[in-house]
């Protein structure tokens, strides 16, 4: 984990969000070998071959991960937020919500495969 991304995760105010962000971080790295990470606009961004694949962020009551290059991704009803452009799909995780990290990893891998 790069120092800026590590600091971002360690400095999250809502304690429950830290393990969620750590797990998402792990899924990104497992799904996308040699992924590049960078803190940009105050949030961890993940790139493959210089192109954005995902961004992770925490807010007061949730964690979000946005997957880029996501037009062809399919997930169960309600997995992604309903609004937003088709090339970007966002997963919003609330406190005590069960998260299908395996599915998230597969979707990240699919999005990165076309870059």
PDB file of N, CA and C in Angstrom:
ATOM      1  N   UNK A   1       0.855  -1.171   0.000  1.00  0.00           N
ATOM      2  CA  UNK A   1       0.000   0.000   0.000  1.00  0.00           C
ATOM      3  C   UNK A   1       0.901   1.234   0.000  1.00  0.00           C
ATOM      4  N   UNK A   2       0.627   2.154  -0.902  1.00  0.00           N
ATOM      5  CA  UNK A   2       1.419   3.380  -0.946  1.00  0.00           C
ATOM      6  C   UNK A   2       1.150   4.197   0.313  1.00  0.00           C
ATOM      7  N   UNK A   3       2.112   5.008   0.693  1.00  0.00           N
ATOM      8  CA  UNK A   3       1.957   5.792   1.913  1.00  0.00           C
ATOM      9  C   UNK A   3       0.733   6.704   1.887  1.00  0.00           C
ATOM     10  N   UNK A   4       0.463   7.448   0.800  1.00  0.00           N
ATOM     11  CA  UNK A   4      -0.725   8.303   0.803  1.00  0.00           C
ATOM     12  C   UNK A   4      -2.038   7.514   0.928  1.00  0.00           C
ATOM     13  N   UNK A   5      -2.128   6.377   0.268  1.00  0.00           N
ATOM     14  CA  UNK A   5      -3.346   5.567   0.359  1.00  0.00           C
ATOM     15  C   UNK A   5      -3.454   4.961   1.756  1.00  0.00           C
ATOM     16  N   UNK A   6      -2.353   4.508   2.293  1.00  0.00           N
ATOM     17  CA  UNK A   6      -2.330   3.957   3.648  1.00  0.00           C
ATOM     18  C   UNK A   6      -2.798   5.015   4.656  1.00  0.00           C
ATOM     19  N   UNK A   7      -2.287   6.228   4.538  1.00  0.00           N
ATOM     20  CA  UNK A   7      -2.695   7.316   5.428  1.00  0.00           C
ATOM     21  C   UNK A   7      -4.175   7.624   5.271  1.00  0.00           C
ATOM     22  N   UNK A   8      -4.657   7.635   4.029  1.00  0.00           N
ATOM     23  CA  UNK A   8      -6.080   7.899   3.790  1.00  0.00           C
ATOM     24  C   UNK A   8      -6.932   6.906   4.568  1.00  0.00           C
ATOM     25  N   UNK A   9      -6.617   5.631   4.441  1.00  0.00           N
ATOM     26  CA  UNK A   9      -7.408   4.593   5.103  1.00  0.00           C
ATOM     27  C   UNK A   9      -7.257   4.670   6.624  1.00  0.00           C
ATOM     28  N   UNK A  10      -6.047   4.872   7.109  1.00  0.00           N
ATOM     29  CA  UNK A  10      -5.823   4.946   8.556  1.00  0.00           C
ATOM     30  C   UNK A  10      -6.488   6.163   9.195  1.00  0.00           C
ATOM     31  N   UNK A  11      -6.685   7.223   8.429  1.00  0.00           N
ATOM     32  CA  UNK A  11      -7.265   8.457   8.966  1.00  0.00           C
ATOM     33  C   UNK A  11      -8.776   8.557   8.811  1.00  0.00           C
ATOM     34  N   UNK A  12      -9.412   7.505   8.356  1.00  0.00           N
ATOM     35  CA  UNK A  12     -10.872   7.514   8.233  1.00  0.00           C
ATOM     36  C   UNK A  12     -11.468   7.623   9.634  1.00  0.00           C
ATOM     37  N   UNK A  13     -12.431   8.513   9.796  1.00  0.00           N
ATOM     38  CA  UNK A  13     -13.010   8.798  11.117  1.00  0.00           C
ATOM     39  C   UNK A  13     -13.968   7.715  11.615  1.00  0.00           C
ATOM     40  N   UNK A  14     -14.730   7.128  10.719  1.00  0.00           N
ATOM     41  CA  UNK A  14     -15.685   6.087  11.099  1.00  0.00           C
ATOM     42  C   UNK A  14     -14.944   4.752  11.143  1.00  0.00           C
ATOM     43  N   UNK A  15     -14.738   4.202  12.333  1.00  0.00           N
ATOM     44  CA  UNK A  15     -13.921   2.996  12.479  1.00  0.00           C
ATOM     45  C   UNK A  15     -14.406   1.823  11.641  1.00  0.00           C
ATOM     46  N   UNK A  16     -15.707   1.657  11.492  1.00  0.00           N
ATOM     47  CA  UNK A  16     -16.230   0.523  10.731  1.00  0.00           C
ATOM     48  C   UNK A  16     -15.813   0.585   9.261  1.00  0.00           C
ATOM     49  N   UNK A  17     -15.488   1.787   8.774  1.00  0.00           N
ATOM     50  CA  UNK A  17     -15.124   1.950   7.367  1.00  0.00           C
ATOM     51  C   UNK A  17     -13.707   1.476   7.062  1.00  0.00           C
ATOM     52  N   UNK A  18     -12.843   1.467   8.064  1.00  0.00           N
ATOM     53  CA  UNK A  18     -11.444   1.096   7.838  1.00  0.00           C
ATOM     54  C   UNK A  18     -11.323  -0.333   7.300  1.00  0.00           C
ATOM     55  N   UNK A  19     -11.898  -1.358   7.966  1.00  0.00           N
ATOM     56  CA  UNK A  19     -11.777  -2.706   7.399  1.00  0.00           C
ATOM     57  C   UNK A  19     -12.479  -2.860   6.046  1.00  0.00           C
ATOM     58  N   UNK A  20     -13.541  -2.113   5.824  1.00  0.00           N
ATOM     59  CA  UNK A  20     -14.227  -2.158   4.524  1.00  0.00           C
ATOM     60  C   UNK A  20     -13.286  -1.631   3.440  1.00  0.00           C
ATOM     61  N   UNK A  21     -12.654  -0.501   3.698  1.00  0.00           N
ATOM     62  CA  UNK A  21     -11.723   0.072   2.717  1.00  0.00           C
ATOM     63  C   UNK A  21     -10.502  -0.816   2.519  1.00  0.00           C
ATOM     64  N   UNK A  22      -9.999  -1.419   3.593  1.00  0.00           N
ATOM     65  CA  UNK A  22      -8.864  -2.334   3.467  1.00  0.00           C
ATOM     66  C   UNK A  22      -9.219  -3.530   2.604  1.00  0.00           C
ATOM     67  N   UNK A  23     -10.432  -4.053   2.781  1.00  0.00           N
ATOM     68  CA  UNK A  23     -10.859  -5.202   1.991  1.00  0.00           C
ATOM     69  C   UNK A  23     -11.056  -4.831   0.521  1.00  0.00           C
ATOM     70  N   UNK A  24     -11.617  -3.661   0.268  1.00  0.00           N
ATOM     71  CA  UNK A  24     -11.775  -3.207  -1.112  1.00  0.00           C
ATOM     72  C   UNK A  24     -10.398  -3.032  -1.745  1.00  0.00           C
ATOM     73  N   UNK A  25      -9.480  -2.471  -1.000  1.00  0.00           N
ATOM     74  CA  UNK A  25      -8.106  -2.310  -1.469  1.00  0.00           C
ATOM     75  C   UNK A  25      -7.520  -3.658  -1.883  1.00  0.00           C
ATOM     76  N   UNK A  26      -7.713  -4.664  -1.043  1.00  0.00           N
ATOM     77  CA  UNK A  26      -7.217  -6.012  -1.351  1.00  0.00           C
ATOM     78  C   UNK A  26      -7.864  -6.555  -2.615  1.00  0.00           C
ATOM     79  N   UNK A  27      -9.156  -6.369  -2.755  1.00  0.00           N
ATOM     80  CA  UNK A  27      -9.866  -6.856  -3.943  1.00  0.00           C
ATOM     81  C   UNK A  27      -9.340  -6.192  -5.207  1.00  0.00           C
ATOM     82  N   UNK A  28      -9.082  -4.894  -5.142  1.00  0.00           N
ATOM     83  CA  UNK A  28      -8.535  -4.182  -6.302  1.00  0.00           C
ATOM     84  C   UNK A  28      -7.209  -4.808  -6.709  1.00  0.00           C
ATOM     85  N   UNK A  29      -6.340  -5.030  -5.733  1.00  0.00           N
ATOM     86  CA  UNK A  29      -5.006  -5.559  -6.047  1.00  0.00           C
ATOM     87  C   UNK A  29      -5.037  -7.019  -6.486  1.00  0.00           C
ATOM     88  N   UNK A  30      -5.979  -7.786  -5.995  1.00  0.00           N
ATOM     89  CA  UNK A  30      -6.104  -9.177  -6.450  1.00  0.00           C
ATOM     90  C   UNK A  30      -6.684  -9.237  -7.853  1.00  0.00           C
ATOM     91  N   UNK A  31      -7.609  -8.353  -8.156  1.00  0.00           N
ATOM     92  CA  UNK A  31      -8.291  -8.379  -9.451  1.00  0.00           C
ATOM     93  C   UNK A  31      -7.446  -7.785 -10.573  1.00  0.00           C
ATOM     94  N   UNK A  32      -6.566  -6.845 -10.223  1.00  0.00           N
ATOM     95  CA  UNK A  32      -5.830  -6.111 -11.251  1.00  0.00           C
ATOM     96  C   UNK A  32      -4.337  -6.167 -10.933  1.00  0.00           C
ATOM     97  N   UNK A  33      -3.641  -7.157 -11.480  1.00  0.00           N
ATOM     98  CA  UNK A  33      -2.193  -7.234 -11.246  1.00  0.00           C
ATOM     99  C   UNK A  33      -1.498  -5.947 -11.726  1.00  0.00           C
ATOM    100  N   UNK A  34      -0.502  -5.520 -10.988  1.00  0.00           N
ATOM    101  CA  UNK A  34       0.278  -4.327 -11.321  1.00  0.00           C
ATOM    102  C   UNK A  34      -0.556  -3.044 -11.375  1.00  0.00           C
ATOM    103  N   UNK A  35      -1.647  -3.001 -10.619  1.00  0.00           N
ATOM    104  CA  UNK A  35      -2.460  -1.791 -10.571  1.00  0.00           C
ATOM    105  C   UNK A  35      -1.631  -0.657  -9.974  1.00  0.00           C
ATOM    106  N   UNK A  36      -1.823   0.528 -10.520  1.00  0.00           N
ATOM    107  CA  UNK A  36      -1.162   1.722 -10.006  1.00  0.00           C
ATOM    108  C   UNK A  36      -2.143   2.421  -9.077  1.00  0.00           C
ATOM    109  N   UNK A  37      -1.640   2.946  -7.965  1.00  0.00           N
ATOM    110  CA  UNK A  37      -2.520   3.660  -7.051  1.00  0.00           C
ATOM    111  C   UNK A  37      -1.975   5.048  -6.792  1.00  0.00           C
ATOM    112  N   UNK A  38      -2.900   5.967  -6.602  1.00  0.00           N
ATOM    113  CA  UNK A  38      -2.516   7.355  -6.419  1.00  0.00           C
ATOM    114  C   UNK A  38      -3.613   8.056  -5.635  1.00  0.00           C
ATOM    115  N   UNK A  39      -3.222   8.916  -4.711  1.00  0.00           N
ATOM    116  CA  UNK A  39      -4.195   9.746  -4.024  1.00  0.00           C
ATOM    117  C   UNK A  39      -4.426  10.969  -4.898  1.00  0.00           C
ATOM    118  N   UNK A  40      -5.641  11.117  -5.382  1.00  0.00           N
ATOM    119  CA  UNK A  40      -5.984  12.219  -6.276  1.00  0.00           C
ATOM    120  C   UNK A  40      -7.320  12.785  -5.838  1.00  0.00           C
ATOM    121  N   UNK A  41      -7.428  14.099  -5.786  1.00  0.00           N
ATOM    122  CA  UNK A  41      -8.629  14.765  -5.284  1.00  0.00           C
ATOM    123  C   UNK A  41      -8.969  14.275  -3.874  1.00  0.00           C
ATOM    124  N   UNK A  42      -7.945  13.893  -3.124  1.00  0.00           N
ATOM    125  CA  UNK A  42      -8.127  13.452  -1.740  1.00  0.00           C
ATOM    126  C   UNK A  42      -8.643  12.038  -1.585  1.00  0.00           C
ATOM    127  N   UNK A  43      -8.700  11.260  -2.678  1.00  0.00           N
ATOM    128  CA  UNK A  43      -9.232   9.888  -2.632  1.00  0.00           C
ATOM    129  C   UNK A  43      -8.301   8.928  -3.360  1.00  0.00           C
ATOM    130  N   UNK A  44      -8.247   7.673  -2.921  1.00  0.00           N
ATOM    131  CA  UNK A  44      -7.437   6.687  -3.639  1.00  0.00           C
ATOM    132  C   UNK A  44      -8.039   6.369  -5.015  1.00  0.00           C
ATOM    133  N   UNK A  45      -7.217   6.531  -6.042  1.00  0.00           N
ATOM    134  CA  UNK A  45      -7.581   6.180  -7.410  1.00  0.00           C
ATOM    135  C   UNK A  45      -6.686   5.036  -7.861  1.00  0.00           C
ATOM    136  N   UNK A  46      -7.245   4.126  -8.622  1.00  0.00           N
ATOM    137  CA  UNK A  46      -6.519   2.956  -9.095  1.00  0.00           C
ATOM    138  C   UNK A  46      -6.545   2.961 -10.614  1.00  0.00           C
ATOM    139  N   UNK A  47      -5.366   2.752 -11.210  1.00  0.00           N
ATOM    140  CA  UNK A  47      -5.244   2.799 -12.667  1.00  0.00           C
ATOM    141  C   UNK A  47      -4.514   1.574 -13.188  1.00  0.00           C
ATOM    142  N   UNK A  48      -4.844   1.245 -14.429  1.00  0.00           N
ATOM    143  CA  UNK A  48      -4.142   0.186 -15.151  1.00  0.00           C
ATOM    144  C   UNK A  48      -3.672   0.804 -16.459  1.00  0.00           C
ATOM    145  N   UNK A  49      -2.391   0.693 -16.726  1.00  0.00           N
ATOM    146  CA  UNK A  49      -1.810   1.252 -17.946  1.00  0.00           C
ATOM    147  C   UNK A  49      -2.191   2.727 -18.120  1.00  0.00           C
ATOM    148  N   UNK A  50      -2.233   3.466 -17.004  1.00  0.00           N
ATOM    149  CA  UNK A  50      -2.526   4.890 -17.042  1.00  0.00           C
ATOM    150  C   UNK A  50      -3.990   5.248 -17.155  1.00  0.00           C
ATOM    151  N   UNK A  51      -4.869   4.257 -17.207  1.00  0.00           N
ATOM    152  CA  UNK A  51      -6.311   4.518 -17.336  1.00  0.00           C
ATOM    153  C   UNK A  51      -7.006   4.164 -16.026  1.00  0.00           C
ATOM    154  N   UNK A  52      -7.958   4.975 -15.628  1.00  0.00           N
ATOM    155  CA  UNK A  52      -8.654   4.771 -14.366  1.00  0.00           C
ATOM    156  C   UNK A  52      -9.520   3.518 -14.393  1.00  0.00           C
ATOM    157  N   UNK A  53      -9.424   2.756 -13.296  1.00  0.00           N
ATOM    158  CA  UNK A  53     -10.240   1.560 -13.138  1.00  0.00           C
ATOM    159  C   UNK A  53     -11.231   1.755 -11.999  1.00  0.00           C
ATOM    160  N   UNK A  54     -10.780   2.385 -10.898  1.00  0.00           N
ATOM    161  CA  UNK A  54     -11.660   2.539  -9.741  1.00  0.00           C
ATOM    162  C   UNK A  54     -11.199   3.683  -8.852  1.00  0.00           C
ATOM    163  N   UNK A  55     -12.123   4.159  -8.050  1.00  0.00           N
ATOM    164  CA  UNK A  55     -11.824   5.153  -7.019  1.00  0.00           C
ATOM    165  C   UNK A  55     -12.567   4.732  -5.752  1.00  0.00           C
ATOM    166  N   UNK A  56     -11.913   4.900  -4.625  1.00  0.00           N
ATOM    167  CA  UNK A  56     -12.449   4.524  -3.322  1.00  0.00           C
ATOM    168  C   UNK A  56     -12.641   5.788  -2.506  1.00  0.00           C
ATOM    169  N   UNK A  57     -13.757   5.886  -1.795  1.00  0.00           N
ATOM    170  CA  UNK A  57     -13.941   7.045  -0.925  1.00  0.00           C
ATOM    171  C   UNK A  57     -14.820   6.692   0.259  1.00  0.00           C
ATOM    172  N   UNK A  58     -14.610   7.447   1.329  1.00  0.00           N
ATOM    173  CA  UNK A  58     -15.455   7.283   2.510  1.00  0.00           C
ATOM    174  C   UNK A  58     -16.152   8.606   2.770  1.00  0.00           C
ATOM    175  N   UNK A  59     -17.341   8.522   3.289  1.00  0.00           N
ATOM    176  CA  UNK A  59     -18.122   9.698   3.662  1.00  0.00           C
ATOM    177  C   UNK A  59     -18.642   9.456   5.072  1.00  0.00           C
ATOM    178  N   UNK A  60     -19.447  10.355   5.556  1.00  0.00           N
ATOM    179  CA  UNK A  60     -19.908  10.260   6.933  1.00  0.00           C
ATOM    180  C   UNK A  60     -20.598   8.929   7.249  1.00  0.00           C
ATOM    181  N   UNK A  61     -21.452   8.455   6.362  1.00  0.00           N
ATOM    182  CA  UNK A  61     -22.222   7.261   6.666  1.00  0.00           C
ATOM    183  C   UNK A  61     -22.051   6.095   5.707  1.00  0.00           C
ATOM    184  N   UNK A  62     -21.084   6.178   4.802  1.00  0.00           N
ATOM    185  CA  UNK A  62     -20.924   5.112   3.825  1.00  0.00           C
ATOM    186  C   UNK A  62     -19.524   5.116   3.227  1.00  0.00           C
ATOM    187  N   UNK A  63     -19.243   4.042   2.496  1.00  0.00           N
ATOM    188  CA  UNK A  63     -18.030   3.906   1.685  1.00  0.00           C
ATOM    189  C   UNK A  63     -18.512   3.684   0.263  1.00  0.00           C
ATOM    190  N   UNK A  64     -17.843   4.301  -0.695  1.00  0.00           N
ATOM    191  CA  UNK A  64     -18.186   4.045  -2.087  1.00  0.00           C
ATOM    192  C   UNK A  64     -16.956   3.595  -2.850  1.00  0.00           C
ATOM    193  N   UNK A  65     -17.208   2.738  -3.806  1.00  0.00           N
ATOM    194  CA  UNK A  65     -16.188   2.380  -4.783  1.00  0.00           C
ATOM    195  C   UNK A  65     -16.847   2.549  -6.145  1.00  0.00           C
ATOM    196  N   UNK A  66     -16.211   3.362  -6.977  1.00  0.00           N
ATOM    197  CA  UNK A  66     -16.715   3.598  -8.325  1.00  0.00           C
ATOM    198  C   UNK A  66     -15.810   2.864  -9.294  1.00  0.00           C
ATOM    199  N   UNK A  67     -16.428   2.105 -10.179  1.00  0.00           N
ATOM    200  CA  UNK A  67     -15.695   1.349 -11.198  1.00  0.00           C
ATOM    201  C   UNK A  67     -15.868   2.073 -12.528  1.00  0.00           C
ATOM    202  N   UNK A  68     -14.754   2.355 -13.177  1.00  0.00           N
ATOM    203  CA  UNK A  68     -14.760   3.003 -14.484  1.00  0.00           C
ATOM    204  C   UNK A  68     -14.745   1.933 -15.577  1.00  0.00           C
ATOM    205  N   UNK A  69     -15.068   2.342 -16.801  1.00  0.00           N
ATOM    206  CA  UNK A  69     -15.095   1.407 -17.931  1.00  0.00           C
ATOM    207  C   UNK A  69     -16.083   0.277 -17.635  1.00  0.00           C
ATOM    208  N   UNK A  70     -17.237   0.654 -17.101  1.00  0.00           N
ATOM    209  CA  UNK A  70     -18.164  -0.322 -16.531  1.00  0.00           C
ATOM    210  C   UNK A  70     -19.444  -0.528 -17.335  1.00  0.00           C
ATOM    211  N   UNK A  71     -19.514  -0.020 -18.538  1.00  0.00           N
ATOM    212  CA  UNK A  71     -20.749  -0.099 -19.325  1.00  0.00           C
ATOM    213  C   UNK A  71     -21.271  -1.529 -19.465  1.00  0.00           C
ATOM    214  N   UNK A  72     -20.397  -2.491 -19.685  1.00  0.00           N
ATOM    215  CA  UNK A  72     -20.822  -3.876 -19.922  1.00  0.00           C
ATOM    216  C   UNK A  72     -20.980  -4.695 -18.630  1.00  0.00           C
ATOM    217  N   UNK A  73     -20.700  -4.113 -17.478  1.00  0.00           N
ATOM    218  CA  UNK A  73     -20.785  -4.879 -16.227  1.00  0.00           C
ATOM    219  C   UNK A  73     -22.231  -5.134 -15.835  1.00  0.00           C
ATOM    220  N   UNK A  74     -22.466  -6.344 -15.374  1.00  0.00           N
ATOM    221  CA  UNK A  74     -23.801  -6.711 -14.902  1.00  0.00           C
ATOM    222  C   UNK A  74     -23.683  -7.244 -13.485  1.00  0.00           C
ATOM    223  N   UNK A  75     -24.621  -6.808 -12.655  1.00  0.00           N
ATOM    224  CA  UNK A  75     -24.644  -7.231 -11.254  1.00  0.00           C
ATOM    225  C   UNK A  75     -26.097  -7.372 -10.829  1.00  0.00           C
ATOM    226  N   UNK A  76     -26.331  -8.054  -9.725  1.00  0.00           N
ATOM    227  CA  UNK A  76     -27.707  -8.207  -9.234  1.00  0.00           C
ATOM    228  C   UNK A  76     -28.364  -6.844  -8.983  1.00  0.00           C
ATOM    229  N   UNK A  77     -29.650  -6.819  -9.088  1.00  0.00           N
ATOM    230  CA  UNK A  77     -30.449  -5.614  -8.844  1.00  0.00           C
ATOM    231  C   UNK A  77     -30.056  -4.999  -7.500  1.00  0.00           C
ATOM    232  N   UNK A  78     -29.785  -3.709  -7.507  1.00  0.00           N
ATOM    233  CA  UNK A  78     -29.460  -2.988  -6.285  1.00  0.00           C
ATOM    234  C   UNK A  78     -27.988  -3.011  -5.881  1.00  0.00           C
ATOM    235  N   UNK A  79     -27.154  -3.752  -6.599  1.00  0.00           N
ATOM    236  CA  UNK A  79     -25.731  -3.801  -6.253  1.00  0.00           C
ATOM    237  C   UNK A  79     -25.077  -2.446  -6.529  1.00  0.00           C
ATOM    238  N   UNK A  80     -25.397  -1.850  -7.684  1.00  0.00           N
ATOM    239  CA  UNK A  80     -24.878  -0.539  -8.049  1.00  0.00           C
ATOM    240  C   UNK A  80     -25.909   0.533  -7.730  1.00  0.00           C
ATOM    241  N   UNK A  81     -25.429   1.744  -7.484  1.00  0.00           N
ATOM    242  CA  UNK A  81     -26.317   2.892  -7.345  1.00  0.00           C
ATOM    243  C   UNK A  81     -27.042   3.091  -8.682  1.00  0.00           C
ATOM    244  N   UNK A  82     -28.264   3.561  -8.627  1.00  0.00           N
ATOM    245  CA  UNK A  82     -29.090   3.667  -9.832  1.00  0.00           C
ATOM    246  C   UNK A  82     -28.684   4.819 -10.746  1.00  0.00           C
ATOM    247  N   UNK A  83     -28.156   5.901 -10.196  1.00  0.00           N
ATOM    248  CA  UNK A  83     -27.846   7.061 -11.037  1.00  0.00           C
ATOM    249  C   UNK A  83     -26.392   7.056 -11.494  1.00  0.00           C
ATOM    250  N   UNK A  84     -26.084   7.929 -12.420  1.00  0.00           N
ATOM    251  CA  UNK A  84     -24.715   8.044 -12.912  1.00  0.00           C
ATOM    252  C   UNK A  84     -24.594   7.582 -14.340  1.00  0.00           C
ATOM    253  N   UNK A  85     -23.500   7.970 -14.990  1.00  0.00           N
ATOM    254  CA  UNK A  85     -23.294   7.571 -16.384  1.00  0.00           C
ATOM    255  C   UNK A  85     -23.008   6.079 -16.487  1.00  0.00           C
ATOM    256  N   UNK A  86     -23.370   5.444 -17.605  1.00  0.00           N
ATOM    257  CA  UNK A  86     -23.202   3.993 -17.735  1.00  0.00           C
ATOM    258  C   UNK A  86     -21.758   3.513 -17.693  1.00  0.00           C
ATOM    259  N   UNK A  87     -20.812   4.389 -18.020  1.00  0.00           N
ATOM    260  CA  UNK A  87     -19.408   3.960 -18.002  1.00  0.00           C
ATOM    261  C   UNK A  87     -18.805   4.000 -16.595  1.00  0.00           C
ATOM    262  N   UNK A  88     -19.565   4.508 -15.630  1.00  0.00           N
ATOM    263  CA  UNK A  88     -19.131   4.536 -14.230  1.00  0.00           C
ATOM    264  C   UNK A  88     -20.240   3.960 -13.365  1.00  0.00           C
ATOM    265  N   UNK A  89     -19.893   2.947 -12.600  1.00  0.00           N
ATOM    266  CA  UNK A  89     -20.885   2.331 -11.717  1.00  0.00           C
ATOM    267  C   UNK A  89     -20.352   2.370 -10.290  1.00  0.00           C
ATOM    268  N   UNK A  90     -21.232   2.748  -9.380  1.00  0.00           N
ATOM    269  CA  UNK A  90     -20.830   2.956  -7.996  1.00  0.00           C
ATOM    270  C   UNK A  90     -21.533   1.988  -7.064  1.00  0.00           C
ATOM    271  N   UNK A  91     -20.752   1.427  -6.144  1.00  0.00           N
ATOM    272  CA  UNK A  91     -21.266   0.583  -5.068  1.00  0.00           C
ATOM    273  C   UNK A  91     -21.203   1.423  -3.800  1.00  0.00           C
ATOM    274  N   UNK A  92     -22.324   1.564  -3.127  1.00  0.00           N
ATOM    275  CA  UNK A  92     -22.395   2.328  -1.886  1.00  0.00           C
ATOM    276  C   UNK A  92     -22.594   1.341  -0.742  1.00  0.00           C
ATOM    277  N   UNK A  93     -21.682   1.371   0.214  1.00  0.00           N
ATOM    278  CA  UNK A  93     -21.688   0.416   1.323  1.00  0.00           C
ATOM    279  C   UNK A  93     -22.015   1.156   2.610  1.00  0.00           C
ATOM    280  N   UNK A  94     -23.055   0.700   3.279  1.00  0.00           N
ATOM    281  CA  UNK A  94     -23.484   1.290   4.538  1.00  0.00           C
ATOM    282  C   UNK A  94     -23.003   0.451   5.717  1.00  0.00           C
ATOM    283  N   UNK A  95     -23.022   1.033   6.887  1.00  0.00           N
ATOM    284  CA  UNK A  95     -22.589   0.339   8.099  1.00  0.00           C
ATOM    285  C   UNK A  95     -23.399  -0.943   8.288  1.00  0.00           C
ATOM    286  N   UNK A  96     -22.709  -2.019   8.632  1.00  0.00           N
ATOM    287  CA  UNK A  96     -23.284  -3.339   8.903  1.00  0.00           C
ATOM    288  C   UNK A  96     -23.930  -3.988   7.685  1.00  0.00           C
ATOM    289  N   UNK A  97     -23.690  -3.452   6.515  1.00  0.00           N
ATOM    290  CA  UNK A  97     -24.205  -4.046   5.283  1.00  0.00           C
ATOM    291  C   UNK A  97     -23.312  -5.222   4.889  1.00  0.00           C
ATOM    292  N   UNK A  98     -23.925  -6.295   4.442  1.00  0.00           N
ATOM    293  CA  UNK A  98     -23.171  -7.426   3.924  1.00  0.00           C
ATOM    294  C   UNK A  98     -22.707  -7.068   2.514  1.00  0.00           C
ATOM    295  N   UNK A  99     -21.421  -7.248   2.265  1.00  0.00           N
ATOM    296  CA  UNK A  99     -20.843  -6.876   0.976  1.00  0.00           C
ATOM    297  C   UNK A  99     -20.358  -8.129   0.270  1.00  0.00           C
ATOM    298  N   UNK A 100     -20.697  -8.269  -0.991  1.00  0.00           N
ATOM    299  CA  UNK A 100     -20.207  -9.383  -1.799  1.00  0.00           C
ATOM    300  C   UNK A 100     -18.877  -8.963  -2.414  1.00  0.00           C
ATOM    301  N   UNK A 101     -17.811  -9.095  -1.621  1.00  0.00           N
ATOM    302  CA  UNK A 101     -16.480  -8.687  -2.076  1.00  0.00           C
ATOM    303  C   UNK A 101     -16.002  -9.530  -3.253  1.00  0.00           C
ATOM    304  N   UNK A 102     -16.400 -10.785  -3.287  1.00  0.00           N
ATOM    305  CA  UNK A 102     -16.007 -11.651  -4.400  1.00  0.00           C
ATOM    306  C   UNK A 102     -16.574 -11.121  -5.716  1.00  0.00           C
ATOM    307  N   UNK A 103     -17.844 -10.741  -5.702  1.00  0.00           N
ATOM    308  CA  UNK A 103     -18.465 -10.167  -6.895  1.00  0.00           C
ATOM    309  C   UNK A 103     -17.789  -8.845  -7.251  1.00  0.00           C
ATOM    310  N   UNK A 104     -17.513  -8.030  -6.271  1.00  0.00           N
ATOM    311  CA  UNK A 104     -16.835  -6.770  -6.524  1.00  0.00           C
ATOM    312  C   UNK A 104     -15.490  -7.010  -7.207  1.00  0.00           C
ATOM    313  N   UNK A 105     -14.747  -7.983  -6.722  1.00  0.00           N
ATOM    314  CA  UNK A 105     -13.461  -8.328  -7.337  1.00  0.00           C
ATOM    315  C   UNK A 105     -13.617  -8.778  -8.778  1.00  0.00           C
ATOM    316  N   UNK A 106     -14.620  -9.590  -9.045  1.00  0.00           N
ATOM    317  CA  UNK A 106     -14.863 -10.052 -10.420  1.00  0.00           C
ATOM    318  C   UNK A 106     -15.206  -8.885 -11.339  1.00  0.00           C
ATOM    319  N   UNK A 107     -16.021  -7.960 -10.848  1.00  0.00           N
ATOM    320  CA  UNK A 107     -16.409  -6.805 -11.656  1.00  0.00           C
ATOM    321  C   UNK A 107     -15.212  -5.898 -11.931  1.00  0.00           C
ATOM    322  N   UNK A 108     -14.363  -5.710 -10.932  1.00  0.00           N
ATOM    323  CA  UNK A 108     -13.146  -4.933 -11.127  1.00  0.00           C
ATOM    324  C   UNK A 108     -12.250  -5.582 -12.180  1.00  0.00           C
ATOM    325  N   UNK A 109     -12.141  -6.887 -12.107  1.00  0.00           N
ATOM    326  CA  UNK A 109     -11.315  -7.629 -13.070  1.00  0.00           C
ATOM    327  C   UNK A 109     -11.879  -7.486 -14.483  1.00  0.00           C
ATOM    328  N   UNK A 110     -13.199  -7.588 -14.618  1.00  0.00           N
ATOM    329  CA  UNK A 110     -13.828  -7.452 -15.927  1.00  0.00           C
ATOM    330  C   UNK A 110     -13.604  -6.044 -16.496  1.00  0.00           C
ATOM    331  N   UNK A 111     -13.773  -5.035 -15.665  1.00  0.00           N
ATOM    332  CA  UNK A 111     -13.596  -3.657 -16.134  1.00  0.00           C
ATOM    333  C   UNK A 111     -12.155  -3.413 -16.572  1.00  0.00           C
ATOM    334  N   UNK A 112     -11.207  -3.938 -15.820  1.00  0.00           N
ATOM    335  CA  UNK A 112      -9.793  -3.730 -16.135  1.00  0.00           C
ATOM    336  C   UNK A 112      -9.354  -4.530 -17.359  1.00  0.00           C
ATOM    337  N   UNK A 113     -10.007  -5.651 -17.626  1.00  0.00           N
ATOM    338  CA  UNK A 113      -9.602  -6.530 -18.729  1.00  0.00           C
ATOM    339  C   UNK A 113      -9.743  -5.863 -20.087  1.00  0.00           C
ATOM    340  N   UNK A 114     -10.630  -4.907 -20.213  1.00  0.00           N
ATOM    341  CA  UNK A 114     -10.862  -4.280 -21.509  1.00  0.00           C
ATOM    342  C   UNK A 114      -9.980  -3.053 -21.732  1.00  0.00           C
ATOM    343  N   UNK A 115      -9.133  -2.725 -20.756  1.00  0.00           N
ATOM    344  CA  UNK A 115      -8.234  -1.558 -20.913  1.00  0.00           C
ATOM    345  C   UNK A 115      -6.966  -1.958 -21.622  1.00  0.00           C
TER     346      UNK A 115
END
